Amino acid sequence: MYNAKDDDPPLMKRKLVRGGSWKDIAYYLQVSTRAYEYQDSSKCYIGFRCVQDYMGRQKDDNPARASRIYN
């Protein structure tokens, strides 16, 4: 990342933001969507998104044969 100096033009003081956030419409959720914010600003909706597969049961799972590890 480039850390802008005080005398750099405003164009050099921006950071790239990819994808959207929880507050955006579907179009902005695409990873290919790009936007810019100034380096010295922070927003509560800009950061990392963590994803994990659902670790629940399969649709055709038989509860009688399921593991009792969580009971």
PDB file of N, CA and C in Angstrom:
ATOM      1  N   MET A   1       0.837  -1.170   0.000  1.00  0.00           N
ATOM      2  CA  MET A   1       0.000   0.000   0.000  1.00  0.00           C
ATOM      3  C   MET A   1       0.885   1.238   0.000  1.00  0.00           C
ATOM      4  N   TYR A   2       0.469   2.243  -0.722  1.00  0.00           N
ATOM      5  CA  TYR A   2       1.198   3.498  -0.793  1.00  0.00           C
ATOM      6  C   TYR A   2       0.693   4.426   0.305  1.00  0.00           C
ATOM      7  N   ASN A   3       1.572   4.902   1.149  1.00  0.00           N
ATOM      8  CA  ASN A   3       1.207   5.880   2.174  1.00  0.00           C
ATOM      9  C   ASN A   3       1.470   7.267   1.618  1.00  0.00           C
ATOM     10  N   ALA A   4       0.404   8.001   1.394  1.00  0.00           N
ATOM     11  CA  ALA A   4       0.512   9.321   0.783  1.00  0.00           C
ATOM     12  C   ALA A   4       1.184  10.320   1.724  1.00  0.00           C
ATOM     13  N   LYS A   5       1.916  11.217   1.121  1.00  0.00           N
ATOM     14  CA  LYS A   5       2.542  12.312   1.877  1.00  0.00           C
ATOM     15  C   LYS A   5       1.574  13.491   1.915  1.00  0.00           C
ATOM     16  N   ASP A   6       1.794  14.401   2.851  1.00  0.00           N
ATOM     17  CA  ASP A   6       0.898  15.551   2.990  1.00  0.00           C
ATOM     18  C   ASP A   6       0.818  16.396   1.724  1.00  0.00           C
ATOM     19  N   ASP A   7       1.930  16.498   0.986  1.00  0.00           N
ATOM     20  CA  ASP A   7       1.930  17.349  -0.200  1.00  0.00           C
ATOM     21  C   ASP A   7       1.555  16.601  -1.484  1.00  0.00           C
ATOM     22  N   ASP A   8       1.168  15.328  -1.389  1.00  0.00           N
ATOM     23  CA  ASP A   8       0.703  14.577  -2.566  1.00  0.00           C
ATOM     24  C   ASP A   8      -0.665  15.097  -3.008  1.00  0.00           C
ATOM     25  N   PRO A   9      -0.966  14.980  -4.303  1.00  0.00           N
ATOM     26  CA  PRO A   9      -2.291  15.391  -4.780  1.00  0.00           C
ATOM     27  C   PRO A   9      -3.373  14.472  -4.203  1.00  0.00           C
ATOM     28  N   PRO A  10      -4.612  14.953  -4.118  1.00  0.00           N
ATOM     29  CA  PRO A  10      -5.700  14.156  -3.547  1.00  0.00           C
ATOM     30  C   PRO A  10      -5.871  12.784  -4.202  1.00  0.00           C
ATOM     31  N   LEU A  11      -5.598  12.684  -5.495  1.00  0.00           N
ATOM     32  CA  LEU A  11      -5.718  11.418  -6.199  1.00  0.00           C
ATOM     33  C   LEU A  11      -4.812  10.339  -5.598  1.00  0.00           C
ATOM     34  N   MET A  12      -3.659  10.728  -5.087  1.00  0.00           N
ATOM     35  CA  MET A  12      -2.710   9.778  -4.508  1.00  0.00           C
ATOM     36  C   MET A  12      -3.074   9.388  -3.072  1.00  0.00           C
ATOM     37  N   LYS A  13      -4.049  10.045  -2.488  1.00  0.00           N
ATOM     38  CA  LYS A  13      -4.421   9.793  -1.097  1.00  0.00           C
ATOM     39  C   LYS A  13      -5.635   8.874  -0.971  1.00  0.00           C
ATOM     40  N   ARG A  14      -5.913   8.125  -2.025  1.00  0.00           N
ATOM     41  CA  ARG A  14      -7.065   7.232  -2.016  1.00  0.00           C
ATOM     42  C   ARG A  14      -6.625   5.779  -1.887  1.00  0.00           C
ATOM     43  N   LYS A  15      -7.529   4.958  -1.363  1.00  0.00           N
ATOM     44  CA  LYS A  15      -7.289   3.517  -1.304  1.00  0.00           C
ATOM     45  C   LYS A  15      -8.414   2.815  -2.057  1.00  0.00           C
ATOM     46  N   LEU A  16      -8.088   1.679  -2.619  1.00  0.00           N
ATOM     47  CA  LEU A  16      -9.045   0.897  -3.396  1.00  0.00           C
ATOM     48  C   LEU A  16      -9.890   0.047  -2.461  1.00  0.00           C
ATOM     49  N   VAL A  17     -11.193   0.016  -2.711  1.00  0.00           N
ATOM     50  CA  VAL A  17     -12.113  -0.823  -1.957  1.00  0.00           C
ATOM     51  C   VAL A  17     -12.782  -1.749  -2.946  1.00  0.00           C
ATOM     52  N   ARG A  18     -12.644  -3.059  -2.718  1.00  0.00           N
ATOM     53  CA  ARG A  18     -13.229  -4.059  -3.627  1.00  0.00           C
ATOM     54  C   ARG A  18     -14.456  -4.684  -2.997  1.00  0.00           C
ATOM     55  N   GLY A  19     -15.468  -4.935  -3.827  1.00  0.00           N
ATOM     56  CA  GLY A  19     -16.671  -5.585  -3.337  1.00  0.00           C
ATOM     57  C   GLY A  19     -17.518  -4.629  -2.517  1.00  0.00           C
ATOM     58  N   GLY A  20     -18.558  -5.153  -1.935  1.00  0.00           N
ATOM     59  CA  GLY A  20     -19.471  -4.316  -1.174  1.00  0.00           C
ATOM     60  C   GLY A  20     -19.491  -4.680   0.294  1.00  0.00           C
ATOM     61  N   SER A  21     -20.499  -4.190   0.962  1.00  0.00           N
ATOM     62  CA  SER A  21     -20.633  -4.453   2.391  1.00  0.00           C
ATOM     63  C   SER A  21     -22.068  -4.869   2.685  1.00  0.00           C
ATOM     64  N   TRP A  22     -22.353  -5.064   3.943  1.00  0.00           N
ATOM     65  CA  TRP A  22     -23.683  -5.480   4.380  1.00  0.00           C
ATOM     66  C   TRP A  22     -24.747  -4.440   4.032  1.00  0.00           C
ATOM     67  N   LYS A  23     -24.366  -3.212   3.790  1.00  0.00           N
ATOM     68  CA  LYS A  23     -25.343  -2.148   3.532  1.00  0.00           C
ATOM     69  C   LYS A  23     -25.611  -1.920   2.048  1.00  0.00           C
ATOM     70  N   ASP A  24     -24.898  -2.603   1.173  1.00  0.00           N
ATOM     71  CA  ASP A  24     -24.996  -2.334  -0.259  1.00  0.00           C
ATOM     72  C   ASP A  24     -26.016  -3.219  -0.963  1.00  0.00           C
ATOM     73  N   ILE A  25     -26.457  -2.758  -2.135  1.00  0.00           N
ATOM     74  CA  ILE A  25     -27.320  -3.569  -2.990  1.00  0.00           C
ATOM     75  C   ILE A  25     -26.470  -4.640  -3.668  1.00  0.00           C
ATOM     76  N   ALA A  26     -27.128  -5.605  -4.287  1.00  0.00           N
ATOM     77  CA  ALA A  26     -26.454  -6.779  -4.838  1.00  0.00           C
ATOM     78  C   ALA A  26     -25.334  -6.429  -5.823  1.00  0.00           C
ATOM     79  N   TYR A  27     -25.515  -5.415  -6.634  1.00  0.00           N
ATOM     80  CA  TYR A  27     -24.501  -5.063  -7.635  1.00  0.00           C
ATOM     81  C   TYR A  27     -23.142  -4.818  -6.985  1.00  0.00           C
ATOM     82  N   TYR A  28     -23.128  -4.122  -5.872  1.00  0.00           N
ATOM     83  CA  TYR A  28     -21.864  -3.761  -5.232  1.00  0.00           C
ATOM     84  C   TYR A  28     -21.224  -4.913  -4.468  1.00  0.00           C
ATOM     85  N   LEU A  29     -21.927  -6.023  -4.301  1.00  0.00           N
ATOM     86  CA  LEU A  29     -21.363  -7.172  -3.587  1.00  0.00           C
ATOM     87  C   LEU A  29     -20.408  -7.984  -4.449  1.00  0.00           C
ATOM     88  N   GLN A  30     -20.377  -7.720  -5.724  1.00  0.00           N
ATOM     89  CA  GLN A  30     -19.466  -8.432  -6.619  1.00  0.00           C
ATOM     90  C   GLN A  30     -18.024  -8.029  -6.307  1.00  0.00           C
ATOM     91  N   VAL A  31     -17.118  -8.998  -6.330  1.00  0.00           N
ATOM     92  CA  VAL A  31     -15.713  -8.718  -6.068  1.00  0.00           C
ATOM     93  C   VAL A  31     -15.132  -7.798  -7.139  1.00  0.00           C
ATOM     94  N   SER A  32     -15.719  -7.819  -8.323  1.00  0.00           N
ATOM     95  CA  SER A  32     -15.204  -6.991  -9.417  1.00  0.00           C
ATOM     96  C   SER A  32     -15.569  -5.515  -9.271  1.00  0.00           C
ATOM     97  N   THR A  33     -16.464  -5.183  -8.359  1.00  0.00           N
ATOM     98  CA  THR A  33     -16.840  -3.789  -8.140  1.00  0.00           C
ATOM     99  C   THR A  33     -15.719  -3.065  -7.404  1.00  0.00           C
ATOM    100  N   ARG A  34     -15.352  -1.900  -7.897  1.00  0.00           N
ATOM    101  CA  ARG A  34     -14.272  -1.115  -7.287  1.00  0.00           C
ATOM    102  C   ARG A  34     -14.791   0.251  -6.864  1.00  0.00           C
ATOM    103  N   ALA A  35     -14.269   0.730  -5.763  1.00  0.00           N
ATOM    104  CA  ALA A  35     -14.581   2.081  -5.276  1.00  0.00           C
ATOM    105  C   ALA A  35     -13.335   2.614  -4.588  1.00  0.00           C
ATOM    106  N   TYR A  36     -13.350   3.880  -4.239  1.00  0.00           N
ATOM    107  CA  TYR A  36     -12.201   4.495  -3.587  1.00  0.00           C
ATOM    108  C   TYR A  36     -12.634   5.219  -2.324  1.00  0.00           C
ATOM    109  N   GLU A  37     -11.770   5.207  -1.344  1.00  0.00           N
ATOM    110  CA  GLU A  37     -11.932   5.988  -0.114  1.00  0.00           C
ATOM    111  C   GLU A  37     -10.592   6.644   0.172  1.00  0.00           C
ATOM    112  N   TYR A  38     -10.614   7.715   0.923  1.00  0.00           N
ATOM    113  CA  TYR A  38      -9.356   8.363   1.288  1.00  0.00           C
ATOM    114  C   TYR A  38      -8.645   7.567   2.371  1.00  0.00           C
ATOM    115  N   GLN A  39      -7.307   7.542   2.310  1.00  0.00           N
ATOM    116  CA  GLN A  39      -6.509   6.738   3.225  1.00  0.00           C
ATOM    117  C   GLN A  39      -6.721   7.099   4.689  1.00  0.00           C
ATOM    118  N   ASP A  40      -6.977   8.344   4.967  1.00  0.00           N
ATOM    119  CA  ASP A  40      -7.086   8.761   6.365  1.00  0.00           C
ATOM    120  C   ASP A  40      -8.505   8.627   6.918  1.00  0.00           C
ATOM    121  N   SER A  41      -9.401   8.015   6.158  1.00  0.00           N
ATOM    122  CA  SER A  41     -10.772   7.839   6.640  1.00  0.00           C
ATOM    123  C   SER A  41     -11.048   6.362   6.904  1.00  0.00           C
ATOM    124  N   SER A  42     -11.922   6.094   7.834  1.00  0.00           N
ATOM    125  CA  SER A  42     -12.334   4.717   8.101  1.00  0.00           C
ATOM    126  C   SER A  42     -13.852   4.677   8.110  1.00  0.00           C
ATOM    127  N   LYS A  43     -14.377   3.546   7.758  1.00  0.00           N
ATOM    128  CA  LYS A  43     -15.827   3.349   7.717  1.00  0.00           C
ATOM    129  C   LYS A  43     -16.144   2.046   8.446  1.00  0.00           C
ATOM    130  N   CYS A  44     -17.271   2.012   9.134  1.00  0.00           N
ATOM    131  CA  CYS A  44     -17.647   0.812   9.878  1.00  0.00           C
ATOM    132  C   CYS A  44     -18.018  -0.345   8.949  1.00  0.00           C
ATOM    133  N   TYR A  45     -18.277  -0.060   7.691  1.00  0.00           N
ATOM    134  CA  TYR A  45     -18.714  -1.094   6.760  1.00  0.00           C
ATOM    135  C   TYR A  45     -17.615  -1.522   5.793  1.00  0.00           C
ATOM    136  N   ILE A  46     -16.377  -1.070   5.999  1.00  0.00           N
ATOM    137  CA  ILE A  46     -15.265  -1.486   5.148  1.00  0.00           C
ATOM    138  C   ILE A  46     -14.326  -2.349   5.981  1.00  0.00           C
ATOM    139  N   GLY A  47     -14.025  -3.528   5.477  1.00  0.00           N
ATOM    140  CA  GLY A  47     -13.138  -4.441   6.190  1.00  0.00           C
ATOM    141  C   GLY A  47     -13.114  -5.786   5.497  1.00  0.00           C
ATOM    142  N   PHE A  48     -12.886  -6.827   6.256  1.00  0.00           N
ATOM    143  CA  PHE A  48     -12.813  -8.170   5.712  1.00  0.00           C
ATOM    144  C   PHE A  48     -14.116  -8.911   5.953  1.00  0.00           C
ATOM    145  N   ARG A  49     -14.469  -9.744   5.001  1.00  0.00           N
ATOM    146  CA  ARG A  49     -15.641 -10.597   5.120  1.00  0.00           C
ATOM    147  C   ARG A  49     -15.165 -12.027   5.273  1.00  0.00           C
ATOM    148  N   CYS A  50     -15.554 -12.689   6.323  1.00  0.00           N
ATOM    149  CA  CYS A  50     -15.159 -14.082   6.547  1.00  0.00           C
ATOM    150  C   CYS A  50     -16.341 -14.983   6.229  1.00  0.00           C
ATOM    151  N   VAL A  51     -16.062 -16.082   5.539  1.00  0.00           N
ATOM    152  CA  VAL A  51     -17.112 -17.007   5.138  1.00  0.00           C
ATOM    153  C   VAL A  51     -16.716 -18.405   5.568  1.00  0.00           C
ATOM    154  N   GLN A  52     -17.693 -19.154   6.050  1.00  0.00           N
ATOM    155  CA  GLN A  52     -17.459 -20.540   6.434  1.00  0.00           C
ATOM    156  C   GLN A  52     -18.621 -21.367   5.918  1.00  0.00           C
ATOM    157  N   ASP A  53     -18.316 -22.557   5.436  1.00  0.00           N
ATOM    158  CA  ASP A  53     -19.375 -23.459   5.007  1.00  0.00           C
ATOM    159  C   ASP A  53     -20.272 -23.797   6.181  1.00  0.00           C
ATOM    160  N   TYR A  54     -21.545 -24.033   5.898  1.00  0.00           N
ATOM    161  CA  TYR A  54     -22.475 -24.452   6.934  1.00  0.00           C
ATOM    162  C   TYR A  54     -22.098 -25.842   7.397  1.00  0.00           C
ATOM    163  N   MET A  55     -21.917 -26.005   8.680  1.00  0.00           N
ATOM    164  CA  MET A  55     -21.455 -27.283   9.216  1.00  0.00           C
ATOM    165  C   MET A  55     -22.629 -28.093   9.783  1.00  0.00           C
ATOM    166  N   GLY A  56     -23.834 -27.740   9.394  1.00  0.00           N
ATOM    167  CA  GLY A  56     -25.025 -28.421   9.898  1.00  0.00           C
ATOM    168  C   GLY A  56     -25.236 -29.757   9.228  1.00  0.00           C
ATOM    169  N   ARG A  57     -26.436 -30.233   9.318  1.00  0.00           N
ATOM    170  CA  ARG A  57     -26.759 -31.568   8.828  1.00  0.00           C
ATOM    171  C   ARG A  57     -27.170 -31.537   7.376  1.00  0.00           C
ATOM    172  N   GLN A  58     -27.008 -32.656   6.723  1.00  0.00           N
ATOM    173  CA  GLN A  58     -27.445 -32.829   5.341  1.00  0.00           C
ATOM    174  C   GLN A  58     -28.963 -32.955   5.296  1.00  0.00           C
ATOM    175  N   LYS A  59     -29.565 -32.620   4.169  1.00  0.00           N
ATOM    176  CA  LYS A  59     -31.012 -32.680   4.019  1.00  0.00           C
ATOM    177  C   LYS A  59     -31.522 -34.116   4.190  1.00  0.00           C
ATOM    178  N   ASP A  60     -30.773 -35.090   3.675  1.00  0.00           N
ATOM    179  CA  ASP A  60     -31.205 -36.488   3.751  1.00  0.00           C
ATOM    180  C   ASP A  60     -30.581 -37.235   4.937  1.00  0.00           C
ATOM    181  N   ASP A  61     -30.093 -36.531   5.917  1.00  0.00           N
ATOM    182  CA  ASP A  61     -29.454 -37.121   7.089  1.00  0.00           C
ATOM    183  C   ASP A  61     -30.483 -37.850   7.948  1.00  0.00           C
ATOM    184  N   ASN A  62     -30.092 -38.974   8.504  1.00  0.00           N
ATOM    185  CA  ASN A  62     -30.965 -39.756   9.372  1.00  0.00           C
ATOM    186  C   ASN A  62     -30.648 -39.392  10.822  1.00  0.00           C
ATOM    187  N   PRO A  63     -31.576 -38.721  11.532  1.00  0.00           N
ATOM    188  CA  PRO A  63     -31.276 -38.298  12.911  1.00  0.00           C
ATOM    189  C   PRO A  63     -31.003 -39.460  13.849  1.00  0.00           C
ATOM    190  N   ALA A  64     -31.535 -40.609  13.556  1.00  0.00           N
ATOM    191  CA  ALA A  64     -31.305 -41.767  14.427  1.00  0.00           C
ATOM    192  C   ALA A  64     -29.852 -42.222  14.366  1.00  0.00           C
ATOM    193  N   ARG A  65     -29.192 -41.958  13.248  1.00  0.00           N
ATOM    194  CA  ARG A  65     -27.791 -42.369  13.090  1.00  0.00           C
ATOM    195  C   ARG A  65     -26.813 -41.213  13.273  1.00  0.00           C
ATOM    196  N   ALA A  66     -27.309 -40.044  13.594  1.00  0.00           N
ATOM    197  CA  ALA A  66     -26.456 -38.854  13.723  1.00  0.00           C
ATOM    198  C   ALA A  66     -25.567 -38.964  14.951  1.00  0.00           C
ATOM    199  N   SER A  67     -24.464 -38.292  14.913  1.00  0.00           N
ATOM    200  CA  SER A  67     -23.532 -38.261  16.031  1.00  0.00           C
ATOM    201  C   SER A  67     -24.160 -37.533  17.214  1.00  0.00           C
ATOM    202  N   ARG A  68     -23.873 -37.988  18.395  1.00  0.00           N
ATOM    203  CA  ARG A  68     -24.407 -37.364  19.609  1.00  0.00           C
ATOM    204  C   ARG A  68     -23.363 -36.473  20.266  1.00  0.00           C
ATOM    205  N   ILE A  69     -22.392 -35.978  19.487  1.00  0.00           N
ATOM    206  CA  ILE A  69     -21.292 -35.196  20.042  1.00  0.00           C
ATOM    207  C   ILE A  69     -21.766 -33.915  20.700  1.00  0.00           C
ATOM    208  N   TYR A  70     -22.872 -33.323  20.228  1.00  0.00           N
ATOM    209  CA  TYR A  70     -23.340 -32.051  20.780  1.00  0.00           C
ATOM    210  C   TYR A  70     -24.482 -32.235  21.780  1.00  0.00           C
ATOM    211  N   ASN A  71     -24.827 -33.437  22.115  1.00  0.00           N
ATOM    212  CA  ASN A  71     -25.924 -33.679  23.077  1.00  0.00           C
ATOM    213  C   ASN A  71     -25.405 -33.836  24.467  1.00  0.00           C
TER     214      ASN A  71
END
